Protein backbone atom coordinates (compact mmCIF):
# COMPACT_ATOMS: atom_id res chain seq x y z
CA MET A 1 53.58 121.93 -33.55
CA LYS A 2 54.05 120.89 -37.18
CA LYS A 3 50.84 120.61 -39.14
CA ILE A 4 50.03 117.67 -41.44
CA GLY A 5 47.34 117.93 -44.08
CA PHE A 6 45.41 114.86 -45.23
CA VAL A 7 44.18 114.78 -48.83
CA ASP A 8 41.88 111.94 -49.84
CA TYR A 9 39.23 110.76 -52.27
CA TYR A 10 36.90 110.42 -49.27
CA ILE A 11 38.37 110.77 -45.83
CA SER A 12 36.66 108.11 -43.73
CA GLU A 13 38.63 105.01 -44.73
CA TRP A 14 40.95 102.60 -42.89
CA HIS A 15 44.23 104.41 -43.44
CA ALA A 16 42.93 107.86 -42.56
CA ASN A 17 41.14 106.46 -39.53
CA ASN A 18 44.30 104.83 -38.13
CA TYR A 19 47.17 107.08 -39.19
CA PRO A 20 46.46 109.96 -36.71
CA LYS A 21 46.86 107.66 -33.70
CA TRP A 22 49.99 106.06 -35.12
CA ILE A 23 51.46 109.47 -35.97
CA LYS A 24 50.89 110.57 -32.38
CA GLU A 25 52.49 107.39 -31.01
CA ALA A 26 55.47 107.65 -33.37
CA CYS A 27 56.06 111.29 -32.43
CA GLU A 28 55.95 110.46 -28.72
CA GLU A 29 58.62 107.81 -29.26
CA MET A 30 60.74 110.09 -31.45
CA GLY A 31 60.37 113.20 -29.29
CA LEU A 32 58.73 115.16 -32.12
CA ASP A 33 55.57 117.25 -32.38
CA TYR A 34 53.36 116.62 -35.41
CA GLU A 35 49.58 116.43 -35.72
CA VAL A 36 46.97 115.90 -38.41
CA SER A 37 45.52 119.39 -38.59
CA TYR A 38 43.83 119.89 -41.96
CA VAL A 39 41.73 117.77 -44.33
CA TRP A 40 40.47 118.12 -47.87
CA ALA A 41 38.65 115.36 -49.77
CA MET A 42 37.41 115.17 -53.36
CA LYS A 43 34.23 113.45 -52.21
CA ASP A 44 32.41 114.60 -49.08
CA ILE A 45 30.68 111.39 -48.01
CA SER A 46 32.56 108.12 -47.48
CA ASP A 47 31.41 105.19 -49.59
CA LEU A 48 32.39 102.87 -46.74
CA ASP A 49 30.44 104.22 -43.77
CA GLY A 50 28.58 107.35 -44.87
CA VAL A 51 30.75 109.63 -42.68
CA SER A 52 31.19 113.16 -44.03
CA THR A 53 34.42 115.13 -44.05
CA ALA A 54 33.06 117.47 -41.38
CA GLU A 55 32.09 114.52 -39.15
CA TRP A 56 35.55 112.98 -39.56
CA CYS A 57 37.22 116.28 -38.71
CA GLU A 58 35.11 116.68 -35.58
CA LYS A 59 36.08 113.18 -34.42
CA PHE A 60 39.80 113.62 -35.08
CA GLY A 61 40.18 117.28 -34.14
CA ALA A 62 41.12 118.49 -37.62
CA VAL A 63 39.92 121.43 -39.73
CA GLN A 64 38.13 120.87 -43.02
CA CYS A 65 39.58 123.01 -45.82
CA GLU A 66 37.46 124.42 -48.63
CA SER A 67 40.06 123.59 -51.25
CA ALA A 68 43.27 121.67 -51.79
CA LYS A 69 44.98 125.03 -52.25
CA GLU A 70 43.91 126.14 -48.77
CA LEU A 71 45.15 122.89 -47.27
CA CYS A 72 48.54 123.24 -48.96
CA GLU A 73 48.95 126.81 -47.79
CA LYS A 74 48.15 125.93 -44.16
CA SER A 75 49.94 122.57 -43.85
CA ASP A 76 53.64 122.07 -43.23
CA TYR A 77 53.55 118.53 -44.67
CA ILE A 78 50.98 116.70 -46.76
CA VAL A 79 49.79 113.10 -46.99
CA ILE A 80 47.88 112.08 -50.11
CA LEU A 81 45.83 109.04 -49.12
CA SER A 82 43.20 107.43 -51.41
CA PRO A 83 44.85 104.00 -50.91
CA SER A 84 42.05 102.10 -52.62
CA PHE A 85 41.77 104.51 -55.57
CA PRO A 86 45.20 105.09 -57.14
CA GLU A 87 43.44 106.24 -60.31
CA HIS A 88 42.74 109.50 -58.44
CA HIS A 89 46.35 110.14 -57.38
CA LEU A 90 47.29 112.13 -60.48
CA ALA A 91 44.28 114.42 -59.98
CA LEU A 92 45.11 114.83 -56.29
CA VAL A 93 48.72 115.65 -57.19
CA GLU A 94 47.57 118.18 -59.77
CA ALA A 95 45.31 119.75 -57.11
CA THR A 96 48.11 120.09 -54.55
CA PHE A 97 51.63 120.24 -56.02
CA PRO A 98 51.24 123.69 -57.63
CA TYR A 99 50.34 125.20 -54.22
CA ALA A 100 52.96 123.41 -52.13
CA LYS A 101 56.29 124.38 -53.68
CA GLY A 102 59.20 123.01 -51.66
CA LYS A 103 57.02 120.98 -49.30
CA ARG A 104 57.30 117.28 -48.48
CA PHE A 105 54.60 114.73 -49.25
CA TYR A 106 53.86 111.12 -48.59
CA ILE A 107 51.67 109.47 -51.27
CA ASP A 108 49.94 106.35 -50.02
CA LYS A 109 50.01 102.99 -51.76
CA THR A 110 49.09 102.16 -54.44
CA PHE A 111 51.13 105.02 -55.92
CA SER A 112 49.51 105.09 -59.36
CA PRO A 113 47.31 102.95 -61.60
CA ASP A 114 50.12 102.32 -64.10
CA TYR A 115 53.73 103.03 -65.02
CA GLU A 116 53.03 106.00 -67.32
CA THR A 117 50.98 107.78 -64.66
CA ALA A 118 53.78 107.19 -62.16
CA LYS A 119 56.22 108.94 -64.49
CA LYS A 120 53.81 111.88 -64.85
CA ILE A 121 53.62 112.29 -61.08
CA TYR A 122 57.41 112.33 -60.77
CA ALA A 123 57.62 114.91 -63.56
CA LEU A 124 55.11 117.15 -61.77
CA ALA A 125 57.09 116.81 -58.55
CA LYS A 126 60.23 118.04 -60.30
CA GLU A 127 58.30 120.87 -61.95
CA HIS A 128 56.95 122.12 -58.60
CA ASP A 129 59.99 121.34 -56.42
CA ILE A 130 58.11 118.72 -54.39
CA SER A 131 59.85 116.00 -52.38
CA PHE A 132 57.86 112.85 -51.73
CA PHE A 133 57.97 109.11 -51.39
CA SER A 134 55.45 106.30 -51.70
CA THR A 135 55.44 102.68 -50.61
CA SER A 136 53.47 99.77 -49.29
CA ALA A 137 53.91 99.29 -45.56
CA LEU A 138 55.26 95.79 -46.24
CA ARG A 139 58.54 97.35 -47.42
CA TYR A 140 59.13 98.09 -43.73
CA ALA A 141 58.47 94.62 -42.37
CA ASN A 142 61.41 93.97 -40.03
CA GLU A 143 61.78 90.51 -41.51
CA ILE A 144 63.20 91.95 -44.76
CA ASP A 145 64.83 95.05 -43.31
CA THR A 146 68.33 94.24 -44.63
CA VAL A 147 67.50 91.63 -47.28
CA ARG A 148 68.73 92.67 -50.75
CA ASN A 149 69.86 91.19 -54.08
CA CYS A 150 68.32 87.77 -53.55
CA GLU A 151 68.64 84.94 -56.04
CA LYS A 152 64.95 84.06 -55.71
CA VAL A 153 61.96 85.29 -53.72
CA ILE A 154 58.53 83.78 -53.13
CA THR A 155 55.90 85.84 -51.29
CA THR A 156 52.40 85.12 -50.02
CA GLY A 157 49.64 87.52 -49.11
CA CYS A 158 45.93 88.20 -48.99
CA GLY A 159 43.35 90.93 -49.37
CA SER A 160 39.81 91.59 -50.48
CA LYS A 161 40.81 92.53 -54.04
CA PHE A 162 43.75 91.20 -56.04
CA ASP A 163 44.38 94.45 -57.95
CA GLU A 164 44.56 96.45 -54.73
CA TYR A 165 46.42 94.15 -52.36
CA ILE A 166 48.99 92.59 -54.68
CA ILE A 167 51.00 95.81 -54.23
CA HIS A 168 52.22 94.54 -50.85
CA GLN A 169 53.85 91.46 -52.32
CA ILE A 170 55.28 93.37 -55.27
CA GLU A 171 56.89 95.85 -52.89
CA MET A 172 58.57 93.00 -51.03
CA VAL A 173 59.81 91.45 -54.28
CA VAL A 174 61.35 94.68 -55.60
CA LYS A 175 62.95 95.52 -52.27
CA THR A 176 64.59 92.10 -51.96
CA MET A 177 65.32 91.39 -55.65
CA GLY A 178 65.99 94.81 -57.20
CA THR A 179 64.50 96.89 -60.00
CA ASP A 180 65.56 95.06 -63.18
CA VAL A 181 62.21 93.35 -63.72
CA ALA A 182 61.67 91.98 -67.22
CA SER A 183 58.24 90.36 -67.39
CA ALA A 184 55.40 88.73 -65.49
CA ARG A 185 52.59 86.29 -66.07
CA THR A 186 49.85 84.98 -63.79
CA ALA A 187 48.10 81.65 -63.37
CA LYS A 188 45.07 80.62 -61.34
CA GLU A 189 45.98 77.58 -59.26
CA GLY A 190 43.07 76.50 -57.07
CA GLU A 191 42.20 79.43 -54.82
CA GLU A 192 45.50 81.15 -55.57
CA ILE A 193 46.51 83.68 -58.16
CA VAL A 194 50.21 83.04 -58.72
CA SER A 195 52.42 85.60 -60.45
CA TYR A 196 55.62 84.37 -62.09
CA ILE A 197 58.17 87.17 -62.37
CA GLU A 198 61.28 87.12 -64.54
CA TYR A 199 64.28 89.39 -64.01
CA LYS A 200 66.53 90.55 -66.84
CA ASP A 201 69.42 88.45 -65.53
CA GLY A 202 67.28 85.30 -65.34
CA ARG A 203 66.45 85.41 -61.62
CA LYS A 204 62.85 84.57 -60.75
CA ALA A 205 60.27 85.55 -58.15
CA GLU A 206 56.73 84.46 -57.38
CA THR A 207 53.77 86.04 -55.59
CA HIS A 208 50.97 83.83 -54.24
CA PHE A 209 47.68 85.61 -53.53
CA ALA A 210 44.73 84.00 -51.72
CA SER A 211 42.25 85.09 -49.06
CA SER A 212 43.70 82.67 -46.50
CA HIS A 213 47.40 83.48 -46.99
CA PRO A 214 49.40 85.42 -44.40
CA PHE A 215 51.97 87.89 -45.62
CA SER A 216 55.26 86.03 -45.81
CA VAL A 217 58.49 85.88 -47.76
CA THR A 218 60.82 83.01 -48.64
CA TYR A 219 64.11 84.21 -50.07
CA THR A 220 67.27 82.57 -51.33
CA LYS A 221 70.47 84.51 -50.62
CA ASP A 222 73.97 83.11 -51.22
CA GLY A 223 72.40 79.72 -51.81
CA LYS A 224 70.62 79.68 -48.43
CA GLU A 225 66.80 79.66 -48.25
CA THR A 226 65.06 81.55 -45.43
CA SER A 227 61.32 81.72 -44.75
CA GLU A 228 59.76 84.51 -42.68
CA LYS A 229 56.18 85.41 -41.81
CA ALA A 230 55.67 89.20 -41.86
CA ALA A 231 54.62 89.46 -38.21
CA SER A 232 56.33 92.75 -37.32
CA PRO A 233 54.45 96.09 -36.93
CA TYR A 234 55.09 97.20 -40.51
CA PHE A 235 52.40 99.87 -40.57
CA LYS A 236 53.80 101.56 -37.47
CA ASN A 237 57.29 101.25 -38.98
CA LEU A 238 55.97 103.02 -42.09
CA ILE A 239 54.52 105.87 -40.03
CA SER A 240 57.89 106.39 -38.34
CA LYS A 241 59.55 106.50 -41.77
CA ILE A 242 57.02 109.10 -42.93
CA ILE A 243 57.76 111.31 -39.93
CA GLU A 244 61.51 110.86 -40.44
CA PHE A 245 61.10 111.93 -44.05
CA PHE A 246 59.07 114.98 -43.06
CA GLU A 247 61.70 115.87 -40.48
CA LYS A 248 64.88 115.29 -42.54
CA GLY A 249 63.80 115.10 -46.17
CA GLU A 250 65.63 111.81 -46.65
CA CYS A 251 64.21 108.52 -47.96
CA ASP A 252 66.01 105.16 -47.82
CA PHE A 253 65.19 104.25 -51.44
CA ASP A 254 64.83 106.18 -54.68
CA GLU A 255 62.20 106.63 -57.36
CA LYS A 256 63.57 103.82 -59.52
CA GLU A 257 62.20 101.30 -57.02
CA THR A 258 58.75 102.88 -57.02
CA LEU A 259 58.68 102.96 -60.81
CA ALA A 260 59.73 99.30 -60.92
CA VAL A 261 56.95 98.39 -58.47
CA MET A 262 54.38 100.17 -60.62
CA ALA A 263 55.65 98.62 -63.85
CA LEU A 264 55.60 95.13 -62.34
CA ARG A 265 52.12 95.66 -60.88
CA GLU A 266 50.84 96.78 -64.27
CA ALA A 267 52.30 93.68 -65.98
CA ILE A 268 50.82 91.36 -63.35
CA ILE A 269 47.34 92.89 -63.52
CA LYS A 270 47.34 92.86 -67.33
CA SER A 271 48.36 89.20 -67.30
CA ASN A 272 45.61 88.32 -64.85
CA GLU A 273 43.05 90.09 -67.04
CA ALA A 274 44.39 88.33 -70.16
CA ASN A 275 44.21 84.79 -68.76
CA GLY A 276 47.91 84.39 -68.07
CA GLU A 277 49.50 86.05 -71.08
CA THR A 278 53.07 87.23 -70.42
CA PHE A 279 53.58 90.99 -70.29
CA ASN A 280 56.94 92.72 -70.49
CA CYS A 281 57.99 95.60 -68.26
CA PRO A 282 59.32 98.82 -69.87
CA GLU A 283 62.86 98.62 -71.21
CA ASN A 284 63.82 101.97 -69.69
CA LEU A 285 63.44 100.80 -66.10
């Protein structure tokens, strides 16, 4: 049995509450033997439901660790969660990477609050010989599994908070359009927040965010337009990819894509906060 450690801001949240079941199901399908065995959280009581770390561990059959160091020493693989609080990811990395040399991590979306913090996390991973990847589950929607280098992409999506849930659409854009993002601006159009994205070669993408929108993608490839609703089990696909990475140490994309996602997200959020001003992405992407 291979032991997974969960690290979180507080542990009782949607991802942590669903991942153990999906990990078990994925391992049954893949003929592998992994379980969520250890937990450490920065904050003991969940802001969402008042559940403590000890109560969560009792429910899910895990052991609460006294420190991140203890968790790293006991776990074979580590998942850093805190999906709603990417501003804590650097602190969680600093609490774990030094005690997990050579181990493999998954860091949940949203990877970091901004591009500079993303670069710091990658630098720490290199310093401590850590292998990891991070993504939104929407990267693994079957509908865009093989879609690359599009001429144009338009996505739709929803969520309770724009800053948190826009990551899903950005991930789809970067996967299908590439990493050479140049700039972004936003506009409020009725109930929507629309992001207009410019690529360095002049290609364009759009994200359309509203509470009523499904996740979908419309892409133009070789002059042909295709529209797809993201109806596949992308979260379960993600869990399988996490287990594959833990097993083999191989990821199907590199850090340049994650850095591009974070740079584009930062530009979009800044534009939304500045009433539609255009913001450029870093030149060194």
